[in-house]
């Protein structure tokens, strides 16, 4: 991992921009060329889902403002909402302090989860058991 780069910019003056290509080149993609992405509703701050991007999906997201992931199961690009209509429009994109995770703040239309739930984190841990929260409603997108 290339943590030294991100350590070197920890105290970078906030008024001075850093070239995007420079930062993208230092991101810590895994051995499969992927980086984890947390997607959050920009208004409610609710975490909607976790998925993966490769460098091209990241660039597509920045260029189109439509969140594009890399589907590990289908081995292809996945523009959120392309088939379901449950679109994620990018509001802000941030990298964490180590350059090994992405945060996408989005305007979410409809459900973020393939189950039709608003978010993917509907399995709530309570002491010694898990409870399913939210209503299941199948949508056409994984």
Protein backbone atom coordinates (compact mmCIF):
# COMPACT_ATOMS: atom_id res chain seq x y z
CA UNK A 1 0.00 0.00 0.00
CA UNK A 2 1.13 3.49 -0.74
CA UNK A 3 0.33 5.10 2.62
CA UNK A 4 3.35 7.40 2.53
CA UNK A 5 1.76 9.48 -0.22
CA UNK A 6 -1.37 10.03 1.84
CA UNK A 7 0.71 10.77 4.92
CA UNK A 8 2.59 13.38 2.90
CA UNK A 9 -0.62 15.26 2.08
CA UNK A 10 -2.18 15.15 5.56
CA UNK A 11 -1.21 18.74 6.24
CA UNK A 12 -1.53 20.01 2.68
CA UNK A 13 -3.06 23.51 2.71
CA UNK A 14 -6.80 23.08 2.13
CA UNK A 15 -6.91 26.01 -0.31
CA UNK A 16 -4.34 24.43 -2.64
CA UNK A 17 -5.80 21.80 -4.97
CA UNK A 18 -3.98 18.53 -5.61
CA UNK A 19 -4.22 17.19 -9.18
CA UNK A 20 -6.84 14.42 -9.33
CA UNK A 21 -4.69 12.19 -11.57
CA UNK A 22 -1.91 12.36 -8.98
CA UNK A 23 -4.21 11.14 -6.20
CA UNK A 24 -5.87 8.48 -8.38
CA UNK A 25 -2.44 7.06 -9.19
CA UNK A 26 -1.75 6.58 -5.48
CA UNK A 27 -5.00 4.84 -4.48
CA UNK A 28 -4.56 1.40 -2.92
CA UNK A 29 -6.48 -0.90 -5.24
CA UNK A 30 -6.42 -4.55 -4.16
CA UNK A 31 -4.80 -7.42 -6.11
CA UNK A 32 -7.91 -7.55 -8.34
CA UNK A 33 -7.62 -3.85 -9.15
CA UNK A 34 -10.60 -2.95 -6.95
CA UNK A 35 -11.23 -0.51 -4.13
CA UNK A 36 -14.16 -0.66 -1.66
CA UNK A 37 -16.83 2.02 -1.97
CA UNK A 38 -19.23 3.07 0.76
CA UNK A 39 -22.30 4.82 -0.60
CA UNK A 40 -24.19 7.21 1.66
CA UNK A 41 -27.38 9.23 1.22
CA UNK A 42 -26.27 12.86 1.08
CA UNK A 43 -29.37 14.13 2.91
CA UNK A 44 -29.99 11.55 5.65
CA UNK A 45 -26.35 10.40 5.95
CA UNK A 46 -27.61 6.79 6.04
CA UNK A 47 -25.09 4.28 4.70
CA UNK A 48 -26.87 2.70 1.74
CA UNK A 49 -24.46 0.07 0.50
CA UNK A 50 -20.91 -1.13 0.02
CA UNK A 51 -19.61 -2.15 -3.41
CA UNK A 52 -16.41 -2.10 -5.48
CA UNK A 53 -14.89 0.10 -8.18
CA UNK A 54 -11.89 -0.27 -10.41
CA UNK A 55 -10.10 2.80 -11.74
CA UNK A 56 -12.30 2.99 -14.84
CA UNK A 57 -15.54 2.76 -12.80
CA UNK A 58 -14.21 5.53 -10.58
CA UNK A 59 -13.43 7.74 -13.58
CA UNK A 60 -16.82 6.96 -15.18
CA UNK A 61 -18.54 7.96 -11.95
CA UNK A 62 -16.66 11.25 -11.83
CA UNK A 63 -17.32 11.99 -15.51
CA UNK A 64 -21.02 11.08 -15.64
CA UNK A 65 -22.04 11.78 -12.01
CA UNK A 66 -23.95 8.44 -12.20
CA UNK A 67 -22.39 5.99 -9.75
CA UNK A 68 -20.76 3.12 -11.62
CA UNK A 69 -19.46 0.04 -9.82
CA UNK A 70 -17.55 -3.06 -10.87
CA UNK A 71 -19.68 -6.18 -10.37
CA UNK A 72 -17.42 -8.95 -9.11
CA UNK A 73 -20.07 -11.63 -9.77
CA UNK A 74 -20.87 -10.52 -13.32
CA UNK A 75 -17.39 -9.19 -14.14
CA UNK A 76 -18.75 -6.05 -15.76
CA UNK A 77 -19.56 -2.40 -15.08
CA UNK A 78 -22.78 -1.73 -13.21
CA UNK A 79 -24.34 1.72 -13.47
CA UNK A 80 -26.60 1.88 -10.44
CA UNK A 81 -30.22 2.20 -11.55
CA UNK A 82 -29.61 1.42 -15.22
CA UNK A 83 -32.13 -1.45 -15.15
CA UNK A 84 -34.11 -0.76 -11.96
CA UNK A 85 -34.49 3.01 -12.20
CA UNK A 86 -33.09 3.26 -8.64
CA UNK A 87 -30.44 5.77 -9.65
CA UNK A 88 -27.56 7.09 -7.59
CA UNK A 89 -26.53 10.61 -8.62
CA UNK A 90 -23.12 11.56 -7.27
CA UNK A 91 -23.02 14.64 -5.04
CA UNK A 92 -19.56 14.23 -3.46
CA UNK A 93 -16.75 11.73 -3.73
CA UNK A 94 -14.01 11.42 -1.10
CA UNK A 95 -11.06 9.18 -0.36
CA UNK A 96 -10.11 8.05 3.12
CA UNK A 97 -6.84 9.00 4.81
CA UNK A 98 -5.03 5.85 3.60
CA UNK A 99 -6.29 5.97 0.03
CA UNK A 100 -7.82 2.52 0.37
CA UNK A 101 -11.55 3.34 0.47
CA UNK A 102 -13.97 5.62 -1.38
CA UNK A 103 -17.02 7.41 -0.03
CA UNK A 104 -19.76 8.37 -2.50
CA UNK A 105 -22.43 10.72 -1.23
CA UNK A 106 -25.45 10.39 -3.49
CA UNK A 107 -28.99 11.41 -4.19
CA UNK A 108 -30.68 8.00 -4.11
CA UNK A 109 -33.84 7.39 -6.12
CA UNK A 110 -35.76 4.44 -4.70
CA UNK A 111 -34.06 1.44 -3.15
CA UNK A 112 -30.30 0.99 -2.97
CA UNK A 113 -30.49 -2.73 -2.13
CA UNK A 114 -31.32 -5.48 -4.61
CA UNK A 115 -33.98 -6.64 -2.11
CA UNK A 116 -35.89 -3.41 -2.64
CA UNK A 117 -34.94 -2.07 0.76
CA UNK A 118 -33.72 1.50 1.07
CA UNK A 119 -30.28 0.26 2.16
CA UNK A 120 -28.32 -3.00 2.26
CA UNK A 121 -27.67 -2.99 6.01
CA UNK A 122 -31.00 -4.44 7.13
CA UNK A 123 -29.61 -7.31 9.24
CA UNK A 124 -29.51 -5.75 12.70
CA UNK A 125 -27.45 -7.48 15.40
CA UNK A 126 -29.20 -7.54 18.78
CA UNK A 127 -27.29 -9.25 21.62
CA UNK A 128 -27.25 -12.93 20.60
CA UNK A 129 -29.39 -12.80 17.44
CA UNK A 130 -29.95 -10.93 14.20
CA UNK A 131 -33.22 -9.27 13.22
CA UNK A 132 -34.29 -8.47 9.64
CA UNK A 133 -35.47 -4.87 9.36
CA UNK A 134 -37.17 -3.09 6.46
CA UNK A 135 -39.55 -4.48 3.88
CA UNK A 136 -38.39 -6.84 1.15
CA UNK A 137 -39.43 -5.85 -2.35
CA UNK A 138 -37.58 -7.54 -5.23
CA UNK A 139 -36.13 -5.27 -7.90
CA UNK A 140 -34.55 -6.25 -11.20
CA UNK A 141 -31.02 -5.15 -10.37
CA UNK A 142 -28.40 -7.01 -8.30
